[in-house]
N, C-alpha and C. Protein backbone atom coordinates (compact mmCIF):
# COMPACT_ATOMS: atom_id res chain seq x y z
N MET A 1 0.98 -1.44 0.23
CA MET A 1 0.21 0.27 0.13
C MET A 1 0.62 1.08 0.10
N ARG A 2 2.30 1.34 0.58
CA ARG A 2 2.83 2.10 0.89
C ARG A 2 3.18 3.12 -0.72
N ASP A 3 3.53 1.49 -1.47
CA ASP A 3 4.12 2.32 -2.71
C ASP A 3 3.08 2.40 -3.44
N TRP A 4 1.65 2.04 -3.71
CA TRP A 4 0.52 2.60 -4.34
C TRP A 4 0.52 4.24 -4.25
N HIS A 5 0.63 4.47 -2.58
CA HIS A 5 0.41 5.85 -1.79
C HIS A 5 1.43 6.68 -2.62
N LYS A 6 2.50 6.42 -2.48
CA LYS A 6 3.62 7.04 -2.71
C LYS A 6 3.66 7.60 -3.74
N GLY A 7 3.67 6.62 -5.23
CA GLY A 7 3.59 6.68 -6.45
C GLY A 7 2.83 7.42 -7.10
N ALA A 8 1.34 6.71 -6.30
CA ALA A 8 0.46 7.91 -7.10
C ALA A 8 0.65 9.16 -6.60
N GLY A 9 1.28 9.69 -5.78
CA GLY A 9 1.48 11.03 -5.22
C GLY A 9 2.66 11.89 -5.71
N LEU A 10 3.79 10.87 -5.89
CA LEU A 10 4.48 11.87 -6.75
C LEU A 10 4.42 11.81 -8.35
N MET A 11 3.36 10.58 -8.57
CA MET A 11 3.49 10.89 -10.42
C MET A 11 2.44 11.86 -10.60
N GLY A 12 1.67 12.55 -9.41
CA GLY A 12 0.72 13.28 -9.84
C GLY A 12 0.88 15.06 -9.01
N LEU A 13 1.78 14.99 -8.84
CA LEU A 13 2.34 16.03 -7.79
C LEU A 13 2.78 17.32 -9.21
N GLY A 14 3.23 16.96 -9.82
CA GLY A 14 3.15 17.97 -10.62
C GLY A 14 1.88 18.42 -11.41
N LEU A 15 0.99 17.56 -12.33
CA LEU A 15 -0.46 17.64 -12.47
C LEU A 15 -1.17 18.39 -11.22
N LEU A 16 -0.94 18.40 -10.02
CA LEU A 16 -2.03 18.67 -9.09
C LEU A 16 -1.59 20.07 -8.79
N ILE A 17 0.14 20.22 -8.37
CA ILE A 17 0.04 21.90 -8.84
C ILE A 17 -0.33 22.65 -9.57
N LEU A 18 -0.32 22.09 -11.16
CA LEU A 18 -0.54 22.66 -11.92
C LEU A 18 -2.06 23.08 -12.18
N LEU A 19 -2.75 22.01 -12.03
CA LEU A 19 -4.41 22.36 -12.09
C LEU A 19 -4.38 23.12 -10.71
N THR A 20 -4.12 23.34 -9.56
CA THR A 20 -4.61 23.91 -8.26
C THR A 20 -4.17 25.11 -8.76
N SER A 21 -3.19 25.54 -9.26
CA SER A 21 -2.64 27.23 -9.37
C SER A 21 -3.43 27.51 -10.63
N THR A 22 -3.61 27.10 -11.83
CA THR A 22 -4.42 27.85 -12.80
C THR A 22 -5.90 27.56 -12.27
N GLY A 23 -6.48 26.76 -11.37
CA GLY A 23 -7.78 27.21 -10.65
C GLY A 23 -7.80 28.31 -10.15
N ILE A 24 -6.57 28.60 -8.95
CA ILE A 24 -6.88 29.78 -7.90
C ILE A 24 -6.95 30.93 -8.86
N MET A 25 -5.85 30.97 -10.18
CA MET A 25 -5.90 32.05 -10.84
C MET A 25 -6.93 32.52 -11.81
N LEU A 26 -8.04 31.58 -12.25
CA LEU A 26 -9.02 31.60 -13.01
C LEU A 26 -10.15 32.15 -11.74
N GLU A 27 -10.01 31.64 -10.69
CA GLU A 27 -11.02 32.16 -9.69
C GLU A 27 -10.80 33.62 -9.04
N LEU A 28 -9.41 33.94 -9.23
CA LEU A 28 -9.25 35.18 -8.64
C LEU A 28 -8.52 36.05 -9.76
N PRO A 29 -9.30 36.29 -10.74
CA PRO A 29 -8.66 37.19 -11.92
C PRO A 29 -8.22 38.76 -11.20
N ALA A 30 -8.75 39.35 -10.82
CA ALA A 30 -8.02 40.50 -10.80
C ALA A 30 -6.64 40.29 -9.81
N GLN A 31 -6.93 39.56 -8.67
CA GLN A 31 -5.33 39.05 -8.67
C GLN A 31 -4.46 38.78 -9.07
N THR A 32 -4.88 37.86 -9.98
CA THR A 32 -3.80 37.40 -11.16
C THR A 32 -3.53 38.35 -11.86
N ASP A 33 -4.39 39.23 -12.50
CA ASP A 33 -3.49 40.19 -13.45
C ASP A 33 -2.84 41.25 -12.28
N SER A 34 -2.88 41.58 -11.05
CA SER A 34 -1.99 42.11 -10.47
C SER A 34 -0.51 41.74 -10.37
N ALA A 35 -1.00 40.30 -10.22
CA ALA A 35 0.43 39.53 -10.10
C ALA A 35 0.92 39.35 -11.09
N TRP A 36 0.56 39.72 -12.42
CA TRP A 36 1.36 39.59 -13.53
C TRP A 36 1.77 40.95 -13.58
N ASP A 37 1.07 42.01 -13.37
CA ASP A 37 1.42 43.07 -13.24
C ASP A 37 3.06 43.67 -12.92
N ALA A 38 2.78 43.13 -11.65
CA ALA A 38 3.83 43.36 -10.87
C ALA A 38 5.25 42.53 -11.14
N ALA A 39 4.96 41.48 -11.85
CA ALA A 39 5.90 40.82 -12.11
C ALA A 39 6.26 41.72 -13.69
N GLY A 40 5.94 42.55 -14.06
CA GLY A 40 6.30 43.18 -15.61
C GLY A 40 5.53 42.62 -16.62
N LEU A 41 4.71 42.11 -16.62
CA LEU A 41 3.94 41.56 -17.45
C LEU A 41 2.01 41.78 -17.83
N THR A 42 2.29 43.15 -18.39
CA THR A 42 1.44 43.80 -18.16
C THR A 42 -0.28 43.01 -18.64
N VAL A 43 -1.27 43.59 -18.27
CA VAL A 43 -2.13 42.44 -18.79
C VAL A 43 -3.53 43.31 -19.15
N ALA A 44 -3.47 44.71 -18.99
CA ALA A 44 -4.55 45.57 -19.34
C ALA A 44 -4.71 45.83 -20.78
N ASP A 45 -6.31 45.75 -20.93
CA ASP A 45 -6.87 45.55 -22.06
C ASP A 45 -7.33 47.29 -22.39
N PRO A 46 -7.26 47.88 -23.25
CA PRO A 46 -7.86 49.14 -23.56
C PRO A 46 -9.56 49.01 -23.06
N ALA A 47 -9.90 49.98 -22.33
CA ALA A 47 -11.53 49.86 -22.01
C ALA A 47 -12.39 49.99 -23.57
N ALA A 48 -13.26 49.32 -23.61
CA ALA A 48 -14.50 49.65 -24.96
C ALA A 48 -14.79 50.60 -24.70
N PRO A 49 -14.99 51.59 -26.19
CA PRO A 49 -15.94 53.27 -25.59
C PRO A 49 -17.20 52.88 -25.70
N VAL A 50 -17.86 53.55 -25.15
CA VAL A 50 -18.97 53.08 -24.74
C VAL A 50 -19.94 53.84 -26.21
N ALA A 51 -20.67 53.24 -26.96
CA ALA A 51 -21.31 53.94 -28.05
C ALA A 51 -22.69 54.74 -27.17
N PRO A 52 -23.19 55.63 -27.76
CA PRO A 52 -24.21 56.32 -27.60
C PRO A 52 -25.56 55.23 -27.56
N PRO A 53 -26.45 55.69 -26.55
CA PRO A 53 -27.46 54.73 -26.67
C PRO A 53 -28.53 55.07 -28.09
N THR A 54 -28.99 53.82 -28.05
CA THR A 54 -29.82 53.96 -29.83
C THR A 54 -30.87 55.07 -28.98
N PRO A 55 -30.87 55.83 -30.64
CA PRO A 55 -31.74 57.19 -30.49
C PRO A 55 -33.36 56.47 -30.29
N ALA A 56 -34.29 57.04 -29.48
CA ALA A 56 -35.71 56.57 -29.22
C ALA A 56 -36.33 56.14 -30.05
N GLY A 57 -37.32 55.61 -30.53
CA GLY A 57 -37.88 54.95 -31.53
C GLY A 57 -37.59 54.61 -32.16
N SER A 58 -35.98 54.47 -32.46
CA SER A 58 -35.34 53.41 -33.56
C SER A 58 -35.03 52.36 -33.36
N GLN A 59 -34.70 51.22 -34.01
CA GLN A 59 -34.81 49.79 -34.25
C GLN A 59 -32.77 49.82 -34.35
N PRO A 60 -32.37 48.52 -33.29
CA PRO A 60 -31.17 48.49 -33.75
C PRO A 60 -31.14 47.77 -35.10
N ILE A 61 -30.00 47.70 -35.57
CA ILE A 61 -29.46 46.94 -36.95
C ILE A 61 -30.26 45.58 -37.10
N ALA A 62 -30.13 44.97 -37.90
CA ALA A 62 -30.37 43.86 -38.04
C ALA A 62 -29.03 42.48 -37.31
N PRO A 63 -29.31 41.91 -36.75
CA PRO A 63 -28.31 40.70 -36.08
C PRO A 63 -27.51 40.45 -37.23
N SER A 64 -27.64 39.97 -38.39
CA SER A 64 -27.10 39.39 -39.54
C SER A 64 -26.34 40.48 -40.06
N ARG A 65 -26.49 41.54 -39.84
CA ARG A 65 -25.72 42.88 -40.46
C ARG A 65 -24.64 43.28 -39.47
N ALA A 66 -24.89 43.06 -38.41
CA ALA A 66 -23.41 43.54 -37.32
C ALA A 66 -22.95 42.03 -37.13
N ILE A 67 -23.05 40.73 -37.40
CA ILE A 67 -22.40 39.73 -37.60
C ILE A 67 -21.40 39.52 -39.18
N ALA A 68 -22.05 40.26 -40.03
CA ALA A 68 -21.06 40.38 -41.16
C ALA A 68 -20.37 41.53 -41.25
N THR A 69 -20.56 42.61 -40.34
CA THR A 69 -19.61 43.53 -40.10
C THR A 69 -18.04 43.34 -39.10
N ALA A 70 -19.03 42.33 -38.22
CA ALA A 70 -17.95 41.74 -37.07
C ALA A 70 -16.98 40.77 -37.79
N LEU A 71 -17.36 39.79 -39.00
CA LEU A 71 -16.90 39.61 -39.42
C LEU A 71 -15.53 39.67 -40.41
N ALA A 72 -16.14 40.81 -40.70
CA ALA A 72 -15.15 41.40 -41.74
C ALA A 72 -14.15 42.34 -41.22
N ALA A 73 -14.72 42.57 -39.69
CA ALA A 73 -13.45 43.31 -38.58
C ALA A 73 -12.35 42.73 -38.32
N LEU A 74 -12.32 40.90 -37.84
CA LEU A 74 -11.52 39.65 -37.73
C LEU A 74 -11.66 39.01 -39.21
N PRO A 75 -11.02 39.13 -40.28
CA PRO A 75 -10.88 38.47 -41.37
C PRO A 75 -10.75 36.61 -40.62
N GLY A 76 -11.40 36.11 -41.46
CA GLY A 76 -10.56 34.84 -40.48
C GLY A 76 -11.31 33.76 -39.11
N ALA A 77 -11.91 34.65 -38.85
CA ALA A 77 -12.03 34.39 -37.16
C ALA A 77 -13.46 33.57 -37.21
N ARG A 78 -13.82 32.76 -36.14
CA ARG A 78 -14.66 32.15 -36.17
C ARG A 78 -15.52 32.79 -34.76
N LEU A 79 -16.91 33.06 -34.89
CA LEU A 79 -17.58 33.46 -34.51
C LEU A 79 -18.20 32.25 -32.99
N ALA A 80 -18.11 33.04 -32.11
CA ALA A 80 -18.45 32.29 -30.99
C ALA A 80 -19.77 32.55 -30.23
N TRP A 81 -19.66 33.25 -29.76
CA TRP A 81 -20.85 34.06 -29.11
C TRP A 81 -21.25 35.55 -29.59
N ILE A 82 -22.43 35.52 -29.39
CA ILE A 82 -23.10 36.91 -29.93
C ILE A 82 -23.89 37.53 -28.56
N GLU A 83 -23.58 38.64 -27.90
CA GLU A 83 -24.32 39.53 -27.09
C GLU A 83 -25.07 40.71 -27.77
N THR A 84 -26.40 40.58 -27.49
CA THR A 84 -27.28 41.63 -28.41
C THR A 84 -27.23 42.45 -27.36
N PRO A 85 -28.02 43.69 -28.18
CA PRO A 85 -27.58 45.57 -27.51
C PRO A 85 -29.03 44.88 -26.27
N GLY A 86 -29.12 45.87 -25.09
CA GLY A 86 -29.98 45.55 -24.17
C GLY A 86 -30.09 47.14 -23.72
N ALA A 87 -30.99 47.23 -22.84
CA ALA A 87 -31.04 49.02 -21.81
C ALA A 87 -29.50 49.48 -21.65
N ALA A 88 -28.79 48.88 -21.02
CA ALA A 88 -27.49 49.29 -20.45
C ALA A 88 -26.62 48.91 -21.85
N ARG A 89 -26.59 48.98 -22.66
CA ARG A 89 -25.67 48.35 -24.12
C ARG A 89 -25.99 48.68 -24.73
N ALA A 90 -26.05 49.50 -25.97
CA ALA A 90 -26.06 49.97 -27.08
C ALA A 90 -25.51 48.93 -28.24
N THR A 91 -24.89 48.44 -27.90
CA THR A 91 -23.84 47.59 -29.25
C THR A 91 -24.00 45.92 -29.04
N TYR A 92 -23.67 45.25 -30.02
CA TYR A 92 -23.69 43.88 -30.54
C TYR A 92 -22.57 44.01 -29.83
N ARG A 93 -22.39 42.85 -29.15
CA ARG A 93 -20.48 42.41 -28.29
C ARG A 93 -20.42 40.58 -28.77
N PHE A 94 -19.41 40.52 -29.95
CA PHE A 94 -19.17 38.97 -30.51
C PHE A 94 -17.87 38.76 -30.56
N ARG A 95 -18.13 37.59 -29.36
CA ARG A 95 -16.59 36.88 -28.93
C ARG A 95 -16.36 36.18 -30.21
N MET A 96 -14.84 36.28 -30.57
CA MET A 96 -14.40 35.54 -31.70
C MET A 96 -13.13 34.61 -31.41
N GLN A 97 -12.85 33.58 -32.23
CA GLN A 97 -11.53 32.88 -32.56
C GLN A 97 -10.76 33.31 -33.70
N VAL A 98 -9.19 33.72 -33.18
CA VAL A 98 -8.53 33.83 -34.40
C VAL A 98 -7.70 32.69 -34.53
N ALA A 99 -6.95 33.16 -35.15
CA ALA A 99 -5.52 31.84 -35.18
C ALA A 99 -4.60 31.84 -34.39
N GLY A 100 -4.24 30.75 -33.69
CA GLY A 100 -3.60 31.39 -32.55
C GLY A 100 -4.21 31.13 -31.05
N ASP A 101 -5.61 31.29 -31.48
CA ASP A 101 -5.99 31.57 -29.73
C ASP A 101 -6.68 30.18 -28.98
N PRO A 102 -6.19 29.61 -27.92
CA PRO A 102 -6.30 28.80 -27.11
C PRO A 102 -7.52 28.18 -26.90
N SER A 103 -8.48 28.62 -27.04
CA SER A 103 -10.01 28.29 -26.26
C SER A 103 -10.66 28.32 -27.21
N TYR A 104 -10.99 27.37 -27.47
CA TYR A 104 -12.36 27.38 -28.70
C TYR A 104 -14.07 27.90 -28.18
N ARG A 105 -14.04 27.62 -26.40
CA ARG A 105 -15.06 27.37 -26.11
C ARG A 105 -15.13 29.07 -25.90
N PHE A 106 -14.24 29.57 -25.19
CA PHE A 106 -14.14 30.55 -24.61
C PHE A 106 -12.86 31.46 -25.29
N PRO A 107 -13.15 32.24 -26.59
CA PRO A 107 -12.17 32.61 -27.40
C PRO A 107 -11.90 34.19 -26.43
N HIS A 108 -10.85 34.96 -27.03
CA HIS A 108 -10.29 35.98 -26.78
C HIS A 108 -10.81 37.29 -27.25
N SER A 109 -11.28 37.21 -28.43
CA SER A 109 -10.98 38.63 -29.42
C SER A 109 -12.50 38.66 -29.15
N TYR A 110 -12.66 40.06 -29.33
CA TYR A 110 -14.13 40.63 -29.31
C TYR A 110 -14.22 41.48 -30.32
N VAL A 111 -15.54 41.93 -30.76
CA VAL A 111 -15.95 43.18 -32.04
C VAL A 111 -16.77 43.79 -31.73
N HIS A 112 -17.14 44.93 -30.94
CA HIS A 112 -18.65 45.47 -30.47
C HIS A 112 -18.61 46.46 -31.70
N ILE A 113 -20.38 46.41 -32.02
CA ILE A 113 -20.90 46.60 -33.04
C ILE A 113 -21.75 48.08 -32.86
N ASP A 114 -22.13 49.11 -33.18
CA ASP A 114 -22.88 50.05 -32.61
C ASP A 114 -24.43 49.59 -33.23
N ALA A 115 -25.22 49.37 -32.47
CA ALA A 115 -26.36 49.12 -32.78
C ALA A 115 -27.45 49.79 -33.73
N SER A 116 -27.09 51.20 -33.42
CA SER A 116 -27.60 52.18 -33.74
C SER A 116 -27.23 52.41 -35.90
N ASN A 117 -26.07 52.38 -35.71
CA ASN A 117 -25.58 52.41 -37.11
C ASN A 117 -24.80 51.69 -38.04
N GLY A 118 -24.42 50.30 -37.24
CA GLY A 118 -23.53 49.28 -37.58
C GLY A 118 -22.14 49.31 -37.99
N ALA A 119 -21.36 50.53 -37.15
CA ALA A 119 -20.31 51.05 -36.87
C ALA A 119 -19.52 49.95 -36.11
N VAL A 120 -18.34 49.73 -36.43
CA VAL A 120 -17.37 49.21 -35.47
C VAL A 120 -16.98 49.86 -34.72
N VAL A 121 -17.28 49.70 -33.33
CA VAL A 121 -16.97 50.59 -31.84
C VAL A 121 -15.38 50.37 -30.78
N HIS A 122 -15.56 48.88 -31.46
CA HIS A 122 -14.47 48.54 -30.29
C HIS A 122 -13.89 47.25 -30.93
N ILE A 123 -12.36 47.03 -30.96
CA ILE A 123 -11.91 45.55 -31.45
C ILE A 123 -10.84 44.89 -30.51
N VAL A 124 -10.87 43.97 -30.15
CA VAL A 124 -10.24 43.07 -29.53
C VAL A 124 -9.52 41.89 -29.94
N ASP A 125 -8.07 41.87 -30.33
CA ASP A 125 -7.41 40.79 -31.12
C ASP A 125 -6.74 40.09 -29.75
N ALA A 126 -7.00 38.94 -29.73
CA ALA A 126 -5.77 37.69 -28.91
C ALA A 126 -4.50 38.22 -29.68
N ARG A 127 -3.99 38.32 -31.11
CA ARG A 127 -3.18 37.69 -31.49
C ARG A 127 -2.48 39.04 -31.10
N ARG A 128 -3.06 40.36 -30.58
CA ARG A 128 -2.22 41.65 -30.16
C ARG A 128 -2.25 41.68 -29.06
N ALA A 129 -2.41 40.93 -27.77
CA ALA A 129 -2.68 40.66 -26.66
C ALA A 129 -1.33 41.20 -25.82
N SER A 130 -1.19 41.94 -24.78
CA SER A 130 -0.19 41.94 -24.06
C SER A 130 0.90 40.92 -23.49
N PRO A 131 1.84 40.47 -23.08
CA PRO A 131 2.62 39.41 -22.62
C PRO A 131 1.97 38.38 -21.53
N GLY A 132 1.50 39.89 -20.18
CA GLY A 132 0.26 39.06 -19.37
C GLY A 132 -1.21 38.45 -19.89
N ARG A 133 -1.69 39.63 -20.69
CA ARG A 133 -2.61 38.89 -21.35
C ARG A 133 -2.91 37.44 -21.92
N SER A 134 -1.44 37.20 -22.92
CA SER A 134 -1.53 36.14 -23.59
C SER A 134 -0.99 35.08 -22.42
N ILE A 135 -0.63 35.02 -21.30
CA ILE A 135 -0.24 33.84 -20.33
C ILE A 135 -1.99 34.07 -20.19
N THR A 136 -2.65 34.51 -19.19
CA THR A 136 -3.93 34.91 -18.85
C THR A 136 -4.87 34.27 -19.58
N ASN A 137 -4.76 34.59 -21.03
CA ASN A 137 -5.83 33.40 -22.28
C ASN A 137 -5.57 32.18 -22.41
N TRP A 138 -4.10 31.68 -21.38
CA TRP A 138 -3.91 30.10 -21.50
C TRP A 138 -4.65 29.90 -20.55
N LEU A 139 -5.00 30.23 -19.37
CA LEU A 139 -5.53 29.66 -18.29
C LEU A 139 -6.43 28.69 -18.25
N HIS A 140 -7.75 29.08 -18.98
CA HIS A 140 -8.86 27.50 -18.78
C HIS A 140 -8.25 26.87 -19.48
N THR A 141 -7.56 27.10 -20.99
CA THR A 141 -7.34 26.04 -22.12
C THR A 141 -6.19 24.88 -21.04
N VAL A 142 -5.14 25.61 -20.09
CA VAL A 142 -4.38 24.71 -19.44
C VAL A 142 -5.20 23.96 -18.23
N HIS A 143 -6.21 24.75 -17.97
CA HIS A 143 -6.83 24.24 -16.61
C HIS A 143 -7.57 23.03 -17.12
N ALA A 144 -8.40 23.19 -18.08
CA ALA A 144 -9.45 22.47 -18.31
C ALA A 144 -8.87 21.38 -19.03
N GLU A 145 -7.95 20.94 -19.83
CA GLU A 145 -7.21 20.07 -20.73
C GLU A 145 -5.68 20.03 -20.69
N ALA A 146 -5.15 20.79 -20.01
CA ALA A 146 -3.39 21.07 -20.30
C ALA A 146 -3.12 21.09 -22.20
N GLY A 147 -4.33 22.01 -22.69
CA GLY A 147 -3.94 22.24 -23.98
C GLY A 147 -3.85 21.24 -24.91
N LEU A 148 -4.37 20.03 -24.55
CA LEU A 148 -4.31 18.28 -25.40
C LEU A 148 -5.32 17.83 -25.91
N GLY A 149 -6.32 18.51 -25.93
CA GLY A 149 -7.70 18.19 -26.51
C GLY A 149 -7.98 16.94 -25.50
N LEU A 150 -8.59 16.18 -26.16
CA LEU A 150 -9.44 14.80 -25.72
C LEU A 150 -8.35 14.01 -24.42
N PRO A 151 -7.51 13.84 -24.71
CA PRO A 151 -6.33 13.06 -24.38
C PRO A 151 -5.96 14.07 -22.65
N GLY A 152 -5.83 15.19 -23.12
CA GLY A 152 -5.53 16.36 -21.89
C GLY A 152 -7.16 15.82 -21.03
N ARG A 153 -7.99 15.73 -21.62
CA ARG A 153 -9.08 15.87 -20.78
C ARG A 153 -9.48 15.09 -19.92
N ILE A 154 -9.08 13.82 -20.20
CA ILE A 154 -8.93 12.53 -19.59
C ILE A 154 -8.02 12.50 -18.54
N VAL A 155 -6.64 12.81 -19.15
CA VAL A 155 -5.54 12.96 -18.00
C VAL A 155 -5.72 13.79 -16.97
N THR A 156 -6.57 14.97 -17.10
CA THR A 156 -7.31 16.28 -16.13
C THR A 156 -8.23 15.32 -15.28
N PHE A 157 -9.35 14.60 -15.50
CA PHE A 157 -10.06 13.64 -15.06
C PHE A 157 -9.62 13.23 -14.07
N LEU A 158 -8.56 12.43 -14.10
CA LEU A 158 -7.89 11.42 -13.75
C LEU A 158 -7.11 11.88 -12.59
N ALA A 159 -6.37 13.07 -12.90
CA ALA A 159 -5.85 13.36 -11.87
C ALA A 159 -7.15 14.09 -10.92
N GLY A 160 -8.03 14.38 -11.32
CA GLY A 160 -9.47 15.04 -10.28
C GLY A 160 -9.27 14.11 -9.35
N LEU A 161 -9.44 12.92 -9.73
CA LEU A 161 -9.62 11.67 -8.69
C LEU A 161 -8.04 11.23 -7.88
N LEU A 162 -7.21 12.10 -8.28
CA LEU A 162 -5.71 11.57 -7.37
C LEU A 162 -5.85 11.79 -6.12
N PRO A 163 -6.64 12.85 -5.65
CA PRO A 163 -6.41 13.09 -4.23
C PRO A 163 -7.44 12.17 -3.26
N PHE A 164 -8.81 11.92 -3.94
CA PHE A 164 -9.37 10.51 -3.58
C PHE A 164 -8.47 9.28 -3.48
N VAL A 165 -7.73 8.83 -4.36
CA VAL A 165 -6.99 8.05 -4.57
C VAL A 165 -6.04 7.88 -3.20
N LEU A 166 -5.14 8.89 -3.20
CA LEU A 166 -4.10 9.35 -2.15
C LEU A 166 -4.87 9.10 -0.99
N PHE A 167 -6.20 9.61 -0.59
CA PHE A 167 -6.83 9.85 0.45
C PHE A 167 -7.18 8.36 1.09
N VAL A 168 -8.01 7.42 0.31
CA VAL A 168 -8.24 5.85 0.70
C VAL A 168 -6.67 5.28 0.90
N THR A 169 -5.59 5.16 0.18
CA THR A 169 -4.31 4.75 0.21
C THR A 169 -4.22 4.64 1.61
N GLY A 170 -3.63 6.57 1.52
CA GLY A 170 -3.22 6.76 2.90
C GLY A 170 -4.14 6.13 3.79
N TYR A 171 -5.44 6.18 4.20
CA TYR A 171 -6.05 5.41 5.42
C TYR A 171 -5.93 3.98 5.13
N LEU A 172 -5.43 3.31 3.69
CA LEU A 172 -5.38 2.27 4.40
C LEU A 172 -4.11 1.42 4.93
N ARG A 173 -2.91 2.52 4.15
CA ARG A 173 -1.75 2.53 4.75
C ARG A 173 -1.67 2.82 6.41
N TRP A 174 -2.37 3.78 7.01
CA TRP A 174 -2.20 4.29 8.45
C TRP A 174 -3.10 2.69 9.05
N LYS A 175 -4.08 2.73 8.32
CA LYS A 175 -4.75 1.54 9.36
C LYS A 175 -3.86 0.21 9.43
N LYS A 176 -3.22 0.08 8.74
CA LYS A 176 -2.29 -1.09 8.53
C LYS A 176 -1.46 -1.00 9.57
N ARG A 177 -0.70 0.16 9.61
CA ARG A 177 0.09 0.38 10.73
C ARG A 177 -0.46 0.67 12.03
N ALA A 178 -1.20 0.85 12.32
CA ALA A 178 -1.97 1.01 13.26
C ALA A 178 -2.25 0.08 14.06
N GLY A 179 -3.11 -0.75 12.96
CA GLY A 179 -3.07 -2.62 13.53
C GLY A 179 -1.80 -3.30 13.88
N THR A 180 -0.76 -2.77 13.04
CA THR A 180 0.48 -3.62 13.53
C THR A 180 1.50 -3.06 15.02
N ARG A 181 0.93 -1.81 15.06
CA ARG A 181 1.37 -1.31 16.45
C ARG A 181 0.63 -1.74 17.60
N SER A 182 -1.07 -1.63 17.55
CA SER A 182 -1.23 -2.64 18.16
C SER A 182 -1.09 -3.93 18.55
N CYS A 183 -1.13 -4.52 17.78
CA CYS A 183 -0.85 -6.21 18.01
C CYS A 183 0.69 -6.36 18.55
N GLY A 184 1.41 -4.98 18.71
CA GLY A 184 2.80 -5.36 19.41
C GLY A 184 2.83 -4.89 20.63
N LYS A 185 1.84 -4.10 20.73
CA LYS A 185 1.63 -3.76 22.12
C LYS A 185 0.71 -4.62 22.88
N LYS A 186 0.40 -5.65 22.18
CA LYS A 186 -0.68 -6.68 23.29
C LYS A 186 0.14 -7.07 23.44
N GLY A 187 1.13 -7.93 22.57
CA GLY A 187 2.30 -8.89 22.47
C GLY A 187 3.18 -8.46 23.77
N HIS A 188 3.46 -7.13 23.80
CA HIS A 188 4.79 -7.07 24.60
C HIS A 188 3.59 -6.41 26.08
N THR A 189 2.48 -6.29 26.26
CA THR A 189 2.05 -6.18 27.80
C THR A 189 1.80 -7.73 28.39
N SER A 190 1.27 -8.27 27.62
CA SER A 190 1.28 -10.03 27.90
C SER A 190 2.20 -10.67 28.24
N GLY A 191 3.47 -10.09 28.05
CA GLY A 191 5.13 -10.65 28.53
C GLY A 191 5.55 -10.14 29.56
N ASN A 192 4.78 -9.26 29.42
CA ASN A 192 5.55 -8.28 31.25
C ASN A 192 4.86 -9.12 32.11
N SER A 193 3.63 -10.05 32.10
CA SER A 193 2.63 -10.15 33.22
C SER A 193 3.03 -11.43 34.15
């Protein structure tokens, strides 16, 4: 049991440290950005300008027109998410994946389109990200699959089971040692009588 416990712990240590640290960074983005900034790896992205509110009584442009404009603004990008204009925001916001973006599900490029006239208001292109932002863009991918697709997801899943395996093997090892000690004490006690 000792070999199973020790082997599992040593083999999984690096992966558990990686998954734990990326999980913490994902959960605490403001603190992570501050840490990267302190290390000299700038993270800040320029803020998106605020589009003026859609004039009263006017209708926003059709989503199809906004999509076409966004795709033209980032040629070759894949559209992943659409956020439509609302009361607090007079823009369409498109989340798009460009070549080299590590995340398929949560890409890091954005195009903001003014809902009243279809003009491009703001573009965030992941290919032009600052050094700190480039590292941060990889966090979710590394945390979820170690950047290796399905094999990475399987390894990540198995790593998630590792603390349970360590608990069980540690408990069984402790129980065996505790049983050995109590047997030795009984034998020692009866020998003194």
